[in-house]
Amino acid sequence: MLLVGMVLGGVKVGGEPPDYIGKDIHGNEVRLSQYRGRVVVIDFWASWCSPCREELAVLDRIQRQVSPQRLVVLAVNWREGSNRFRQIVEVLGENTKLTLLDDAKGSISAPYNIHAIPFVVVIGMDGKIADIRRGFSKSLTPQFVDELNKLLAVDAAPAGVAQ
């Protein structure tokens, strides 16, 4: 679902998201400013959420097809707790290309006003929010891929995501 121009807790399409996005699996702080010049997909998800798991698989395939110098997927584990996050990291291990982040208390997601997941925020190379999506549907995946390809084509670099 495209939410063009909709304000969600101070975050809106065309606006700039908060810079701090969480800690990675090694405890390092991750900031969106680190990825300026790349397309960034932030996916808020939880392991108990079946649509979230489906969407993670799609996003992982996308990340594998596009260089991390052009696109990065930040998978933010939403309110499951740090112990559960560590368990998830152990299970996923090196089988994923996603950057896994922990939001045990929901403080990272708070500015996005998230009440349900999956919840995706797409950020263009300019650092501004290009799209906000709630929910997941396989039928909308081609539209999502088209959107990512358009964002990746902004600087006419190598090919984007294959469908």
N, C-alpha and C. Protein backbone atom coordinates (compact mmCIF):
# COMPACT_ATOMS: atom_id res chain seq x y z
N MET A 1 0.85 -1.17 0.00
CA MET A 1 0.00 0.00 0.00
C MET A 1 0.89 1.23 0.00
N LEU A 2 0.75 2.08 -0.98
CA LEU A 2 1.53 3.30 -1.09
C LEU A 2 0.82 4.39 -0.29
N LEU A 3 1.58 5.08 0.54
CA LEU A 3 1.00 6.10 1.40
C LEU A 3 1.61 7.47 1.08
N VAL A 4 1.58 7.87 -0.18
CA VAL A 4 2.22 9.10 -0.62
C VAL A 4 1.69 10.29 0.17
N GLY A 5 2.62 11.05 0.74
CA GLY A 5 2.27 12.28 1.43
C GLY A 5 1.65 12.09 2.80
N MET A 6 1.38 10.87 3.19
CA MET A 6 0.74 10.63 4.48
C MET A 6 1.74 10.87 5.61
N VAL A 7 1.31 11.55 6.65
CA VAL A 7 2.15 11.79 7.81
C VAL A 7 1.94 10.65 8.80
N LEU A 8 3.03 10.05 9.23
CA LEU A 8 2.96 8.95 10.19
C LEU A 8 3.85 9.30 11.37
N GLY A 9 3.30 9.92 12.38
CA GLY A 9 4.09 10.26 13.56
C GLY A 9 5.24 11.18 13.25
N GLY A 10 5.03 12.14 12.34
CA GLY A 10 6.08 13.09 11.99
C GLY A 10 6.94 12.62 10.83
N VAL A 11 6.78 11.39 10.38
CA VAL A 11 7.54 10.87 9.25
C VAL A 11 6.61 10.81 8.06
N LYS A 12 7.04 11.37 6.93
CA LYS A 12 6.18 11.37 5.74
C LYS A 12 7.00 11.20 4.48
N VAL A 13 6.33 10.76 3.43
CA VAL A 13 6.97 10.64 2.13
C VAL A 13 7.46 12.03 1.74
N GLY A 14 8.71 12.10 1.32
CA GLY A 14 9.34 13.37 0.96
C GLY A 14 10.13 13.98 2.10
N GLY A 15 9.89 13.50 3.32
CA GLY A 15 10.62 14.01 4.48
C GLY A 15 11.87 13.18 4.76
N GLU A 16 12.61 13.62 5.74
CA GLU A 16 13.81 12.89 6.14
C GLU A 16 13.51 12.06 7.39
N PRO A 17 13.90 10.80 7.39
CA PRO A 17 13.68 9.94 8.55
C PRO A 17 14.72 10.25 9.64
N PRO A 18 14.45 9.81 10.86
CA PRO A 18 15.47 9.96 11.91
C PRO A 18 16.75 9.23 11.48
N ASP A 19 17.89 9.80 11.81
CA ASP A 19 19.17 9.23 11.37
C ASP A 19 19.49 7.90 12.06
N TYR A 20 19.28 7.83 13.38
CA TYR A 20 19.62 6.62 14.13
C TYR A 20 18.60 5.53 13.85
N ILE A 21 19.08 4.33 13.48
CA ILE A 21 18.18 3.25 13.11
C ILE A 21 18.41 1.98 13.93
N GLY A 22 19.32 2.01 14.89
CA GLY A 22 19.49 0.87 15.77
C GLY A 22 20.90 0.34 15.86
N LYS A 23 21.02 -0.82 16.48
CA LYS A 23 22.32 -1.49 16.64
C LYS A 23 22.29 -2.79 15.87
N ASP A 24 23.42 -3.06 15.22
CA ASP A 24 23.52 -4.29 14.44
C ASP A 24 23.84 -5.48 15.34
N ILE A 25 24.08 -6.63 14.74
CA ILE A 25 24.30 -7.86 15.50
C ILE A 25 25.58 -7.83 16.32
N HIS A 26 26.45 -6.86 16.04
CA HIS A 26 27.70 -6.73 16.80
C HIS A 26 27.62 -5.62 17.83
N GLY A 27 26.45 -4.98 17.95
CA GLY A 27 26.26 -3.90 18.91
C GLY A 27 26.70 -2.54 18.40
N ASN A 28 27.04 -2.44 17.11
CA ASN A 28 27.45 -1.17 16.53
C ASN A 28 26.24 -0.33 16.16
N GLU A 29 26.31 0.97 16.45
CA GLU A 29 25.22 1.87 16.07
C GLU A 29 25.18 2.00 14.56
N VAL A 30 23.97 2.00 14.02
CA VAL A 30 23.77 2.16 12.59
C VAL A 30 22.96 3.44 12.37
N ARG A 31 23.45 4.25 11.46
CA ARG A 31 22.79 5.51 11.11
C ARG A 31 22.50 5.54 9.62
N LEU A 32 21.37 6.09 9.26
CA LEU A 32 21.00 6.17 7.85
C LEU A 32 22.00 7.02 7.07
N SER A 33 22.59 8.00 7.71
CA SER A 33 23.56 8.86 7.03
C SER A 33 24.76 8.06 6.50
N GLN A 34 25.01 6.88 7.07
CA GLN A 34 26.08 6.01 6.57
C GLN A 34 25.79 5.53 5.16
N TYR A 35 24.52 5.54 4.78
CA TYR A 35 24.10 4.96 3.51
C TYR A 35 23.67 6.01 2.49
N ARG A 36 23.97 7.28 2.75
CA ARG A 36 23.60 8.34 1.80
C ARG A 36 24.19 8.00 0.44
N GLY A 37 23.42 8.17 -0.60
CA GLY A 37 23.86 7.82 -1.95
C GLY A 37 23.44 6.41 -2.36
N ARG A 38 22.78 5.69 -1.44
CA ARG A 38 22.24 4.36 -1.73
C ARG A 38 20.73 4.39 -1.49
N VAL A 39 20.05 3.45 -2.08
CA VAL A 39 18.63 3.25 -1.76
C VAL A 39 18.63 2.38 -0.50
N VAL A 40 17.82 2.77 0.48
CA VAL A 40 17.72 2.04 1.74
C VAL A 40 16.28 1.57 1.93
N VAL A 41 16.14 0.30 2.24
CA VAL A 41 14.83 -0.27 2.58
C VAL A 41 14.90 -0.63 4.06
N ILE A 42 14.04 0.00 4.86
CA ILE A 42 13.94 -0.33 6.28
C ILE A 42 12.69 -1.20 6.44
N ASP A 43 12.89 -2.40 6.96
CA ASP A 43 11.78 -3.32 7.15
C ASP A 43 11.62 -3.61 8.63
N PHE A 44 10.50 -3.18 9.20
CA PHE A 44 10.18 -3.49 10.60
C PHE A 44 9.41 -4.81 10.59
N TRP A 45 9.87 -5.80 11.35
CA TRP A 45 9.33 -7.15 11.30
C TRP A 45 9.50 -7.84 12.64
N ALA A 46 8.86 -8.99 12.79
CA ALA A 46 9.04 -9.84 13.97
C ALA A 46 8.95 -11.30 13.53
N SER A 47 9.60 -12.17 14.27
CA SER A 47 9.66 -13.58 13.89
C SER A 47 8.31 -14.29 13.97
N TRP A 48 7.41 -13.79 14.81
CA TRP A 48 6.09 -14.42 14.97
C TRP A 48 5.13 -14.03 13.85
N CYS A 49 5.53 -13.09 13.02
CA CYS A 49 4.67 -12.52 11.97
C CYS A 49 4.92 -13.24 10.64
N SER A 50 3.98 -14.07 10.21
CA SER A 50 4.14 -14.85 8.98
C SER A 50 4.34 -13.97 7.75
N PRO A 51 3.53 -12.91 7.54
CA PRO A 51 3.79 -12.04 6.38
C PRO A 51 5.17 -11.38 6.45
N CYS A 52 5.63 -11.09 7.66
CA CYS A 52 6.97 -10.51 7.83
C CYS A 52 8.04 -11.47 7.32
N ARG A 53 7.91 -12.73 7.67
CA ARG A 53 8.90 -13.72 7.25
C ARG A 53 8.90 -13.87 5.73
N GLU A 54 7.71 -13.83 5.12
CA GLU A 54 7.62 -13.90 3.65
C GLU A 54 8.30 -12.69 3.03
N GLU A 55 8.03 -11.53 3.59
CA GLU A 55 8.62 -10.30 3.06
C GLU A 55 10.13 -10.30 3.24
N LEU A 56 10.63 -10.79 4.37
CA LEU A 56 12.07 -10.87 4.58
C LEU A 56 12.75 -11.70 3.50
N ALA A 57 12.12 -12.80 3.12
CA ALA A 57 12.68 -13.65 2.07
C ALA A 57 12.76 -12.90 0.74
N VAL A 58 11.72 -12.13 0.42
CA VAL A 58 11.71 -11.33 -0.80
C VAL A 58 12.81 -10.27 -0.74
N LEU A 59 12.91 -9.59 0.39
CA LEU A 59 13.92 -8.55 0.54
C LEU A 59 15.34 -9.12 0.50
N ASP A 60 15.51 -10.31 1.04
CA ASP A 60 16.82 -10.96 0.98
C ASP A 60 17.20 -11.26 -0.47
N ARG A 61 16.23 -11.75 -1.26
CA ARG A 61 16.50 -12.01 -2.69
C ARG A 61 16.87 -10.72 -3.41
N ILE A 62 16.16 -9.65 -3.10
CA ILE A 62 16.46 -8.36 -3.71
C ILE A 62 17.87 -7.92 -3.33
N GLN A 63 18.21 -8.02 -2.05
CA GLN A 63 19.54 -7.60 -1.59
C GLN A 63 20.63 -8.41 -2.29
N ARG A 64 20.38 -9.68 -2.54
CA ARG A 64 21.37 -10.53 -3.22
C ARG A 64 21.58 -10.11 -4.68
N GLN A 65 20.56 -9.52 -5.29
CA GLN A 65 20.64 -9.14 -6.70
C GLN A 65 21.26 -7.76 -6.92
N VAL A 66 21.25 -6.94 -5.89
CA VAL A 66 21.74 -5.57 -6.03
C VAL A 66 22.92 -5.39 -5.09
N SER A 67 23.94 -4.76 -5.59
CA SER A 67 25.14 -4.51 -4.79
C SER A 67 24.80 -3.72 -3.53
N PRO A 68 25.41 -4.08 -2.39
CA PRO A 68 25.18 -3.30 -1.17
C PRO A 68 25.74 -1.87 -1.27
N GLN A 69 26.50 -1.59 -2.30
CA GLN A 69 26.95 -0.21 -2.54
C GLN A 69 25.86 0.62 -3.21
N ARG A 70 24.79 -0.06 -3.69
CA ARG A 70 23.69 0.63 -4.35
C ARG A 70 22.39 0.57 -3.55
N LEU A 71 22.18 -0.55 -2.85
CA LEU A 71 20.96 -0.76 -2.09
C LEU A 71 21.28 -1.54 -0.83
N VAL A 72 20.68 -1.13 0.27
CA VAL A 72 20.85 -1.87 1.52
C VAL A 72 19.49 -2.07 2.17
N VAL A 73 19.27 -3.29 2.66
CA VAL A 73 18.03 -3.60 3.38
C VAL A 73 18.38 -3.72 4.86
N LEU A 74 17.73 -2.88 5.66
CA LEU A 74 17.90 -2.89 7.11
C LEU A 74 16.66 -3.55 7.71
N ALA A 75 16.82 -4.74 8.25
CA ALA A 75 15.72 -5.51 8.82
C ALA A 75 15.69 -5.28 10.32
N VAL A 76 14.74 -4.47 10.76
CA VAL A 76 14.65 -4.06 12.16
C VAL A 76 13.68 -4.98 12.90
N ASN A 77 14.22 -5.80 13.79
CA ASN A 77 13.39 -6.72 14.57
C ASN A 77 12.59 -5.90 15.59
N TRP A 78 11.28 -5.94 15.48
CA TRP A 78 10.37 -5.05 16.20
C TRP A 78 9.86 -5.66 17.51
N ARG A 79 10.33 -5.11 18.62
CA ARG A 79 9.80 -5.35 19.96
C ARG A 79 9.77 -6.81 20.41
N GLU A 80 10.77 -7.58 20.01
CA GLU A 80 10.80 -8.98 20.45
C GLU A 80 11.75 -9.20 21.62
N GLY A 81 12.56 -8.24 21.92
CA GLY A 81 13.52 -8.40 23.02
C GLY A 81 14.89 -8.82 22.51
N SER A 82 15.91 -8.38 23.21
CA SER A 82 17.28 -8.64 22.77
C SER A 82 17.65 -10.12 22.78
N ASN A 83 17.14 -10.87 23.76
CA ASN A 83 17.44 -12.32 23.77
C ASN A 83 16.85 -13.01 22.55
N ARG A 84 15.61 -12.68 22.21
CA ARG A 84 14.98 -13.26 21.03
C ARG A 84 15.73 -12.83 19.77
N PHE A 85 16.16 -11.58 19.71
CA PHE A 85 16.92 -11.08 18.57
C PHE A 85 18.19 -11.91 18.38
N ARG A 86 18.90 -12.18 19.47
CA ARG A 86 20.12 -12.99 19.37
C ARG A 86 19.81 -14.40 18.85
N GLN A 87 18.68 -14.97 19.29
CA GLN A 87 18.28 -16.30 18.80
C GLN A 87 18.01 -16.26 17.30
N ILE A 88 17.34 -15.22 16.86
CA ILE A 88 17.03 -15.06 15.44
C ILE A 88 18.31 -14.94 14.63
N VAL A 89 19.25 -14.15 15.12
CA VAL A 89 20.53 -13.98 14.44
C VAL A 89 21.24 -15.32 14.33
N GLU A 90 21.19 -16.13 15.39
CA GLU A 90 21.82 -17.45 15.35
C GLU A 90 21.18 -18.34 14.29
N VAL A 91 19.85 -18.28 14.18
CA VAL A 91 19.15 -19.11 13.20
C VAL A 91 19.44 -18.64 11.78
N LEU A 92 19.38 -17.33 11.56
CA LEU A 92 19.62 -16.80 10.22
C LEU A 92 21.10 -16.88 9.84
N GLY A 93 21.94 -16.69 10.86
CA GLY A 93 23.38 -16.78 10.66
C GLY A 93 23.86 -16.06 9.42
N GLU A 94 24.68 -16.73 8.66
CA GLU A 94 25.23 -16.13 7.45
C GLU A 94 24.39 -16.45 6.23
N ASN A 95 23.17 -16.97 6.46
CA ASN A 95 22.28 -17.31 5.36
C ASN A 95 21.52 -16.12 4.82
N THR A 96 21.71 -14.96 5.40
CA THR A 96 20.99 -13.77 4.94
C THR A 96 21.98 -12.67 4.56
N LYS A 97 21.58 -11.86 3.60
CA LYS A 97 22.37 -10.69 3.19
C LYS A 97 21.81 -9.42 3.82
N LEU A 98 20.74 -9.56 4.61
CA LEU A 98 20.11 -8.41 5.24
C LEU A 98 20.95 -7.92 6.41
N THR A 99 20.90 -6.62 6.65
CA THR A 99 21.51 -6.05 7.85
C THR A 99 20.46 -6.13 8.95
N LEU A 100 20.71 -6.96 9.96
CA LEU A 100 19.75 -7.19 11.04
C LEU A 100 20.00 -6.20 12.17
N LEU A 101 18.92 -5.56 12.61
CA LEU A 101 18.98 -4.57 13.69
C LEU A 101 17.95 -4.91 14.76
N ASP A 102 18.24 -4.49 15.98
CA ASP A 102 17.40 -4.80 17.13
C ASP A 102 16.64 -3.55 17.59
N ASP A 103 15.33 -3.68 17.72
CA ASP A 103 14.48 -2.63 18.29
C ASP A 103 13.64 -3.24 19.40
N ALA A 104 14.33 -3.78 20.40
CA ALA A 104 13.68 -4.53 21.48
C ALA A 104 12.58 -3.75 22.19
N LYS A 105 12.79 -2.46 22.39
CA LYS A 105 11.83 -1.65 23.15
C LYS A 105 10.88 -0.85 22.28
N GLY A 106 11.08 -0.89 20.98
CA GLY A 106 10.22 -0.12 20.09
C GLY A 106 10.59 1.33 19.97
N SER A 107 11.73 1.72 20.49
CA SER A 107 12.11 3.14 20.44
C SER A 107 12.54 3.58 19.04
N ILE A 108 13.08 2.67 18.25
CA ILE A 108 13.48 3.02 16.88
C ILE A 108 12.24 3.22 16.02
N SER A 109 11.25 2.38 16.23
CA SER A 109 10.03 2.45 15.43
C SER A 109 9.08 3.57 15.87
N ALA A 110 9.25 4.10 17.06
CA ALA A 110 8.33 5.10 17.60
C ALA A 110 8.11 6.31 16.67
N PRO A 111 9.16 6.92 16.09
CA PRO A 111 8.93 8.06 15.21
C PRO A 111 8.12 7.71 13.95
N TYR A 112 8.07 6.44 13.61
CA TYR A 112 7.32 5.99 12.43
C TYR A 112 5.87 5.67 12.78
N ASN A 113 5.54 5.72 14.06
CA ASN A 113 4.17 5.49 14.54
C ASN A 113 3.66 4.11 14.09
N ILE A 114 4.49 3.09 14.29
CA ILE A 114 4.16 1.74 13.85
C ILE A 114 3.30 1.04 14.90
N HIS A 115 2.16 0.53 14.44
CA HIS A 115 1.26 -0.23 15.30
C HIS A 115 1.03 -1.63 14.77
N ALA A 116 1.48 -1.88 13.55
CA ALA A 116 1.33 -3.20 12.93
C ALA A 116 2.49 -3.42 11.97
N ILE A 117 2.83 -4.68 11.80
CA ILE A 117 3.93 -5.03 10.91
C ILE A 117 3.45 -6.10 9.94
N PRO A 118 4.13 -6.31 8.82
CA PRO A 118 5.34 -5.63 8.39
C PRO A 118 5.08 -4.18 7.99
N PHE A 119 6.12 -3.40 8.11
CA PHE A 119 6.08 -1.97 7.83
C PHE A 119 7.39 -1.62 7.15
N VAL A 120 7.33 -1.08 5.95
CA VAL A 120 8.54 -0.81 5.17
C VAL A 120 8.62 0.68 4.84
N VAL A 121 9.82 1.22 5.00
CA VAL A 121 10.12 2.60 4.61
C VAL A 121 11.24 2.51 3.57
N VAL A 122 11.03 3.13 2.42
CA VAL A 122 12.03 3.16 1.37
C VAL A 122 12.61 4.57 1.31
N ILE A 123 13.92 4.64 1.34
CA ILE A 123 14.62 5.92 1.33
C ILE A 123 15.45 6.01 0.05
N GLY A 124 15.29 7.10 -0.66
CA GLY A 124 16.03 7.31 -1.90
C GLY A 124 17.48 7.70 -1.63
N MET A 125 18.24 7.77 -2.71
CA MET A 125 19.65 8.11 -2.61
C MET A 125 19.89 9.49 -2.00
N ASP A 126 18.88 10.34 -2.06
CA ASP A 126 18.97 11.69 -1.51
C ASP A 126 18.72 11.73 0.00
N GLY A 127 18.40 10.57 0.61
CA GLY A 127 18.15 10.51 2.05
C GLY A 127 16.73 10.84 2.44
N LYS A 128 15.86 11.04 1.47
CA LYS A 128 14.46 11.36 1.76
C LYS A 128 13.58 10.12 1.57
N ILE A 129 12.48 10.09 2.31
CA ILE A 129 11.56 8.96 2.24
C ILE A 129 10.85 8.97 0.89
N ALA A 130 10.98 7.87 0.15
CA ALA A 130 10.36 7.74 -1.17
C ALA A 130 9.03 6.99 -1.10
N ASP A 131 8.87 6.14 -0.11
CA ASP A 131 7.66 5.33 -0.01
C ASP A 131 7.54 4.79 1.41
N ILE A 132 6.30 4.58 1.82
CA ILE A 132 5.98 3.93 3.09
C ILE A 132 4.93 2.88 2.79
N ARG A 133 5.19 1.66 3.24
CA ARG A 133 4.26 0.55 2.95
C ARG A 133 3.90 -0.17 4.24
N ARG A 134 2.62 -0.47 4.37
CA ARG A 134 2.13 -1.29 5.48
C ARG A 134 1.66 -2.61 4.91
N GLY A 135 1.97 -3.69 5.62
CA GLY A 135 1.51 -5.00 5.19
C GLY A 135 2.38 -5.56 4.08
N PHE A 136 2.06 -6.78 3.68
CA PHE A 136 2.79 -7.45 2.61
C PHE A 136 1.84 -8.27 1.77
N SER A 137 2.05 -8.19 0.47
CA SER A 137 1.29 -9.00 -0.47
C SER A 137 2.23 -9.39 -1.61
N LYS A 138 2.32 -10.69 -1.88
CA LYS A 138 3.16 -11.14 -3.00
C LYS A 138 2.72 -10.50 -4.30
N SER A 139 1.44 -10.23 -4.43
CA SER A 139 0.92 -9.65 -5.67
C SER A 139 1.46 -8.23 -5.91
N LEU A 140 1.90 -7.55 -4.86
CA LEU A 140 2.44 -6.20 -5.01
C LEU A 140 3.96 -6.19 -5.18
N THR A 141 4.59 -7.36 -5.12
CA THR A 141 6.05 -7.42 -5.24
C THR A 141 6.55 -6.83 -6.56
N PRO A 142 5.93 -7.14 -7.72
CA PRO A 142 6.43 -6.53 -8.97
C PRO A 142 6.39 -5.00 -8.94
N GLN A 143 5.34 -4.43 -8.37
CA GLN A 143 5.23 -2.97 -8.24
C GLN A 143 6.36 -2.43 -7.36
N PHE A 144 6.64 -3.13 -6.26
CA PHE A 144 7.71 -2.73 -5.35
C PHE A 144 9.07 -2.79 -6.05
N VAL A 145 9.29 -3.86 -6.81
CA VAL A 145 10.55 -4.01 -7.55
C VAL A 145 10.69 -2.89 -8.58
N ASP A 146 9.60 -2.56 -9.27
CA ASP A 146 9.64 -1.45 -10.24
C ASP A 146 10.02 -0.14 -9.55
N GLU A 147 9.45 0.08 -8.38
CA GLU A 147 9.77 1.31 -7.64
C GLU A 147 11.26 1.35 -7.26
N LEU A 148 11.77 0.22 -6.77
CA LEU A 148 13.19 0.17 -6.42
C LEU A 148 14.07 0.41 -7.64
N ASN A 149 13.71 -0.20 -8.77
CA ASN A 149 14.48 -0.01 -9.99
C ASN A 149 14.51 1.46 -10.42
N LYS A 150 13.38 2.14 -10.28
CA LYS A 150 13.34 3.57 -10.62
C LYS A 150 14.26 4.37 -9.70
N LEU A 151 14.24 4.04 -8.41
CA LEU A 151 15.11 4.74 -7.47
C LEU A 151 16.58 4.44 -7.75
N LEU A 152 16.88 3.21 -8.12
CA LEU A 152 18.25 2.81 -8.42
C LEU A 152 18.74 3.43 -9.74
N ALA A 153 17.82 3.74 -10.63
CA ALA A 153 18.18 4.29 -11.94
C ALA A 153 18.46 5.78 -11.89
N VAL A 154 18.24 6.40 -10.76
CA VAL A 154 18.40 7.86 -10.65
C VAL A 154 19.76 8.32 -11.16
N ASP A 155 20.81 7.58 -10.86
CA ASP A 155 22.12 8.02 -11.34
C ASP A 155 22.62 7.15 -12.50
N ALA A 156 21.68 6.43 -13.15
CA ALA A 156 21.98 5.63 -14.33
C ALA A 156 23.12 4.66 -14.13
N ALA A 157 23.17 4.06 -12.98
CA ALA A 157 24.20 3.06 -12.67
C ALA A 157 23.76 1.70 -13.22
N PRO A 158 24.51 0.63 -12.95
CA PRO A 158 24.17 -0.69 -13.48
C PRO A 158 22.76 -1.13 -13.13
N ALA A 159 22.30 -2.13 -13.82
CA ALA A 159 20.94 -2.64 -13.70
C ALA A 159 20.52 -2.89 -12.25
N GLY A 160 19.22 -2.80 -12.02
CA GLY A 160 18.68 -2.98 -10.67
C GLY A 160 18.21 -4.39 -10.41
N VAL A 161 17.03 -4.49 -9.87
CA VAL A 161 16.47 -5.75 -9.41
C VAL A 161 15.78 -6.47 -10.55
N ALA A 162 16.09 -7.73 -10.75
CA ALA A 162 15.39 -8.54 -11.75
C ALA A 162 14.06 -8.99 -11.18
N GLN A 163 13.07 -9.12 -12.03
CA GLN A 163 11.75 -9.55 -11.55
C GLN A 163 11.57 -11.03 -11.62
